Amino acid sequence: MDNSIEIQAEQKKDTGFTLVELLIVIVILGILATVTVFAVRGITDQGQTSAC
């Protein structure tokens, strides 16, 4: 009986990502996307002012 519990515990460990891990990745990607958008906006604004 103890062996079946240990086998089930080992199988649960390798089932995939947890919800917390996925949320952390999504938050990091959102932060990177925001930084990228603001950086590109700044570059395009500088290009427009130098072109005028």
PDB file of N, CA and C in Angstrom:
ATOM      1  N   MET A   1       0.820  -1.193   0.000  1.00  0.00           N
ATOM      2  CA  MET A   1       0.000   0.000   0.000  1.00  0.00           C
ATOM      3  C   MET A   1       0.863   1.255   0.000  1.00  0.00           C
ATOM      4  N   ASP A   2       1.943   1.235   0.717  1.00  0.00           N
ATOM      5  CA  ASP A   2       2.822   2.394   0.735  1.00  0.00           C
ATOM      6  C   ASP A   2       3.447   2.640  -0.632  1.00  0.00           C
ATOM      7  N   ASN A   3       3.725   1.565  -1.360  1.00  0.00           N
ATOM      8  CA  ASN A   3       4.328   1.713  -2.679  1.00  0.00           C
ATOM      9  C   ASN A   3       3.387   2.419  -3.645  1.00  0.00           C
ATOM     10  N   SER A   4       2.101   2.126  -3.592  1.00  0.00           N
ATOM     11  CA  SER A   4       1.154   2.770  -4.500  1.00  0.00           C
ATOM     12  C   SER A   4       1.039   4.257  -4.208  1.00  0.00           C
ATOM     13  N   ILE A   5       1.125   4.643  -2.956  1.00  0.00           N
ATOM     14  CA  ILE A   5       1.073   6.063  -2.597  1.00  0.00           C
ATOM     15  C   ILE A   5       2.313   6.777  -3.111  1.00  0.00           C
ATOM     16  N   GLU A   6       3.468   6.152  -2.988  1.00  0.00           N
ATOM     17  CA  GLU A   6       4.706   6.753  -3.473  1.00  0.00           C
ATOM     18  C   GLU A   6       4.692   6.890  -4.988  1.00  0.00           C
ATOM     19  N   ILE A   7       4.163   5.893  -5.681  1.00  0.00           N
ATOM     20  CA  ILE A   7       4.094   5.946  -7.141  1.00  0.00           C
ATOM     21  C   ILE A   7       3.168   7.075  -7.576  1.00  0.00           C
ATOM     22  N   GLN A   8       2.025   7.225  -6.929  1.00  0.00           N
ATOM     23  CA  GLN A   8       1.098   8.295  -7.271  1.00  0.00           C
ATOM     24  C   GLN A   8       1.722   9.656  -7.004  1.00  0.00           C
ATOM     25  N   ALA A   9       2.465   9.800  -5.925  1.00  0.00           N
ATOM     26  CA  ALA A   9       3.108  11.066  -5.605  1.00  0.00           C
ATOM     27  C   ALA A   9       4.153  11.415  -6.652  1.00  0.00           C
ATOM     28  N   GLU A  10       4.906  10.433  -7.118  1.00  0.00           N
ATOM     29  CA  GLU A  10       5.913  10.675  -8.141  1.00  0.00           C
ATOM     30  C   GLU A  10       5.269  11.043  -9.471  1.00  0.00           C
ATOM     31  N   GLN A  11       4.146  10.438  -9.803  1.00  0.00           N
ATOM     32  CA  GLN A  11       3.469  10.735 -11.054  1.00  0.00           C
ATOM     33  C   GLN A  11       2.886  12.142 -11.040  1.00  0.00           C
ATOM     34  N   LYS A  12       2.412  12.616  -9.910  1.00  0.00           N
ATOM     35  CA  LYS A  12       1.829  13.951  -9.826  1.00  0.00           C
ATOM     36  C   LYS A  12       2.877  15.042 -10.003  1.00  0.00           C
ATOM     37  N   LYS A  13       4.096  14.785  -9.618  1.00  0.00           N
ATOM     38  CA  LYS A  13       5.145  15.793  -9.707  1.00  0.00           C
ATOM     39  C   LYS A  13       5.461  16.167 -11.147  1.00  0.00           C
ATOM     40  N   ASP A  14       5.349  15.253 -12.063  1.00  0.00           N
ATOM     41  CA  ASP A  14       5.767  15.479 -13.439  1.00  0.00           C
ATOM     42  C   ASP A  14       4.592  15.663 -14.401  1.00  0.00           C
ATOM     43  N   THR A  15       3.493  16.198 -13.938  1.00  0.00           N
ATOM     44  CA  THR A  15       2.329  16.320 -14.808  1.00  0.00           C
ATOM     45  C   THR A  15       2.343  17.588 -15.644  1.00  0.00           C
ATOM     46  N   GLY A  16       3.083  18.617 -15.275  1.00  0.00           N
ATOM     47  CA  GLY A  16       3.126  19.846 -16.049  1.00  0.00           C
ATOM     48  C   GLY A  16       3.398  21.043 -15.171  1.00  0.00           C
ATOM     49  N   PHE A  17       3.057  22.212 -15.705  1.00  0.00           N
ATOM     50  CA  PHE A  17       3.294  23.455 -14.987  1.00  0.00           C
ATOM     51  C   PHE A  17       2.156  23.728 -14.013  1.00  0.00           C
ATOM     52  N   THR A  18       2.477  24.392 -12.924  1.00  0.00           N
ATOM     53  CA  THR A  18       1.444  24.784 -11.973  1.00  0.00           C
ATOM     54  C   THR A  18       0.839  26.111 -12.407  1.00  0.00           C
ATOM     55  N   LEU A  19      -0.277  26.444 -11.818  1.00  0.00           N
ATOM     56  CA  LEU A  19      -0.947  27.697 -12.142  1.00  0.00           C
ATOM     57  C   LEU A  19      -0.081  28.890 -11.771  1.00  0.00           C
ATOM     58  N   VAL A  20       0.604  28.809 -10.660  1.00  0.00           N
ATOM     59  CA  VAL A  20       1.469  29.907 -10.222  1.00  0.00           C
ATOM     60  C   VAL A  20       2.600  30.123 -11.222  1.00  0.00           C
ATOM     61  N   GLU A  21       3.199  29.056 -11.702  1.00  0.00           N
ATOM     62  CA  GLU A  21       4.278  29.184 -12.685  1.00  0.00           C
ATOM     63  C   GLU A  21       3.777  29.833 -13.966  1.00  0.00           C
ATOM     64  N   LEU A  22       2.610  29.432 -14.423  1.00  0.00           N
ATOM     65  CA  LEU A  22       2.048  30.027 -15.630  1.00  0.00           C
ATOM     66  C   LEU A  22       1.718  31.501 -15.432  1.00  0.00           C
ATOM     67  N   LEU A  23       1.173  31.854 -14.281  1.00  0.00           N
ATOM     68  CA  LEU A  23       0.860  33.255 -14.013  1.00  0.00           C
ATOM     69  C   LEU A  23       2.118  34.109 -13.962  1.00  0.00           C
ATOM     70  N   ILE A  24       3.179  33.586 -13.377  1.00  0.00           N
ATOM     71  CA  ILE A  24       4.437  34.330 -13.316  1.00  0.00           C
ATOM     72  C   ILE A  24       4.968  34.586 -14.722  1.00  0.00           C
ATOM     73  N   VAL A  25       4.918  33.587 -15.579  1.00  0.00           N
ATOM     74  CA  VAL A  25       5.388  33.750 -16.956  1.00  0.00           C
ATOM     75  C   VAL A  25       4.536  34.769 -17.699  1.00  0.00           C
ATOM     76  N   ILE A  26       3.229  34.723 -17.511  1.00  0.00           N
ATOM     77  CA  ILE A  26       2.337  35.667 -18.183  1.00  0.00           C
ATOM     78  C   ILE A  26       2.608  37.092 -17.719  1.00  0.00           C
ATOM     79  N   VAL A  27       2.835  37.280 -16.426  1.00  0.00           N
ATOM     80  CA  VAL A  27       3.129  38.614 -15.897  1.00  0.00           C
ATOM     81  C   VAL A  27       4.449  39.131 -16.461  1.00  0.00           C
ATOM     82  N   ILE A  28       5.464  38.287 -16.503  1.00  0.00           N
ATOM     83  CA  ILE A  28       6.762  38.708 -17.041  1.00  0.00           C
ATOM     84  C   ILE A  28       6.638  39.076 -18.517  1.00  0.00           C
ATOM     85  N   LEU A  29       5.906  38.284 -19.286  1.00  0.00           N
ATOM     86  CA  LEU A  29       5.704  38.606 -20.698  1.00  0.00           C
ATOM     87  C   LEU A  29       4.940  39.917 -20.870  1.00  0.00           C
ATOM     88  N   GLY A  30       3.967  40.164 -20.010  1.00  0.00           N
ATOM     89  CA  GLY A  30       3.230  41.422 -20.065  1.00  0.00           C
ATOM     90  C   GLY A  30       4.117  42.618 -19.777  1.00  0.00           C
ATOM     91  N   ILE A  31       4.992  42.486 -18.790  1.00  0.00           N
ATOM     92  CA  ILE A  31       5.918  43.573 -18.464  1.00  0.00           C
ATOM     93  C   ILE A  31       6.868  43.827 -19.629  1.00  0.00           C
ATOM     94  N   LEU A  32       7.406  42.766 -20.210  1.00  0.00           N
ATOM     95  CA  LEU A  32       8.309  42.925 -21.354  1.00  0.00           C
ATOM     96  C   LEU A  32       7.593  43.563 -22.546  1.00  0.00           C
ATOM     97  N   ALA A  33       6.358  43.180 -22.784  1.00  0.00           N
ATOM     98  CA  ALA A  33       5.596  43.763 -23.888  1.00  0.00           C
ATOM     99  C   ALA A  33       5.349  45.248 -23.654  1.00  0.00           C
ATOM    100  N   THR A  34       5.034  45.618 -22.425  1.00  0.00           N
ATOM    101  CA  THR A  34       4.800  47.025 -22.098  1.00  0.00           C
ATOM    102  C   THR A  34       6.060  47.850 -22.295  1.00  0.00           C
ATOM    103  N   VAL A  35       7.177  47.352 -21.812  1.00  0.00           N
ATOM    104  CA  VAL A  35       8.449  48.067 -21.975  1.00  0.00           C
ATOM    105  C   VAL A  35       8.783  48.217 -23.454  1.00  0.00           C
ATOM    106  N   THR A  36       8.552  47.177 -24.233  1.00  0.00           N
ATOM    107  CA  THR A  36       8.848  47.228 -25.666  1.00  0.00           C
ATOM    108  C   THR A  36       7.967  48.243 -26.375  1.00  0.00           C
ATOM    109  N   VAL A  37       6.690  48.272 -26.053  1.00  0.00           N
ATOM    110  CA  VAL A  37       5.771  49.214 -26.699  1.00  0.00           C
ATOM    111  C   VAL A  37       6.180  50.649 -26.396  1.00  0.00           C
ATOM    112  N   PHE A  38       6.505  50.945 -25.144  1.00  0.00           N
ATOM    113  CA  PHE A  38       6.895  52.309 -24.804  1.00  0.00           C
ATOM    114  C   PHE A  38       8.237  52.680 -25.429  1.00  0.00           C
ATOM    115  N   ALA A  39       9.147  51.738 -25.563  1.00  0.00           N
ATOM    116  CA  ALA A  39      10.430  52.013 -26.208  1.00  0.00           C
ATOM    117  C   ALA A  39      10.227  52.324 -27.689  1.00  0.00           C
ATOM    118  N   VAL A  40       9.369  51.563 -28.353  1.00  0.00           N
ATOM    119  CA  VAL A  40       9.110  51.796 -29.775  1.00  0.00           C
ATOM    120  C   VAL A  40       8.388  53.121 -29.969  1.00  0.00           C
ATOM    121  N   ARG A  41       7.460  53.444 -29.084  1.00  0.00           N
ATOM    122  CA  ARG A  41       6.760  54.732 -29.192  1.00  0.00           C
ATOM    123  C   ARG A  41       7.733  55.890 -29.048  1.00  0.00           C
ATOM    124  N   GLY A  42       8.684  55.755 -28.131  1.00  0.00           N
ATOM    125  CA  GLY A  42       9.674  56.814 -27.951  1.00  0.00           C
ATOM    126  C   GLY A  42      10.546  56.982 -29.177  1.00  0.00           C
ATOM    127  N   ILE A  43      10.919  55.882 -29.800  1.00  0.00           N
ATOM    128  CA  ILE A  43      11.761  55.946 -30.998  1.00  0.00           C
ATOM    129  C   ILE A  43      10.992  56.575 -32.153  1.00  0.00           C
ATOM    130  N   THR A  44       9.719  56.217 -32.320  1.00  0.00           N
ATOM    131  CA  THR A  44       8.940  56.792 -33.418  1.00  0.00           C
ATOM    132  C   THR A  44       8.677  58.275 -33.184  1.00  0.00           C
ATOM    133  N   ASP A  45       8.476  58.679 -31.938  1.00  0.00           N
ATOM    134  CA  ASP A  45       8.294  60.105 -31.644  1.00  0.00           C
ATOM    135  C   ASP A  45       9.559  60.888 -31.968  1.00  0.00           C
ATOM    136  N   GLN A  46      10.710  60.340 -31.637  1.00  0.00           N
ATOM    137  CA  GLN A  46      11.974  61.002 -31.952  1.00  0.00           C
ATOM    138  C   GLN A  46      12.167  61.093 -33.460  1.00  0.00           C
ATOM    139  N   GLY A  47      11.781  60.075 -34.175  1.00  0.00           N
ATOM    140  CA  GLY A  47      11.902  60.087 -35.630  1.00  0.00           C
ATOM    141  C   GLY A  47      10.999  61.127 -36.262  1.00  0.00           C
ATOM    142  N   GLN A  48       9.801  61.293 -35.733  1.00  0.00           N
ATOM    143  CA  GLN A  48       8.880  62.283 -36.277  1.00  0.00           C
ATOM    144  C   GLN A  48       9.373  63.700 -36.011  1.00  0.00           C
ATOM    145  N   THR A  49       9.920  63.953 -34.840  1.00  0.00           N
ATOM    146  CA  THR A  49      10.399  65.306 -34.538  1.00  0.00           C
ATOM    147  C   THR A  49      11.650  65.640 -35.343  1.00  0.00           C
ATOM    148  N   SER A  50      12.499  64.670 -35.613  1.00  0.00           N
ATOM    149  CA  SER A  50      13.702  64.956 -36.398  1.00  0.00           C
ATOM    150  C   SER A  50      13.370  65.078 -37.881  1.00  0.00           C
ATOM    151  N   ALA A  51      12.273  64.472 -38.330  1.00  0.00           N
ATOM    152  CA  ALA A  51      11.882  64.556 -39.736  1.00  0.00           C
ATOM    153  C   ALA A  51      11.212  65.887 -40.048  1.00  0.00           C
ATOM    154  N   CYS A  52      10.615  66.520 -39.073  1.00  0.00           N
ATOM    155  CA  CYS A  52       9.892  67.775 -39.307  1.00  0.00           C
ATOM    156  C   CYS A  52      10.803  68.966 -39.324  1.00  0.00           C
TER     157      CYS A  52
END
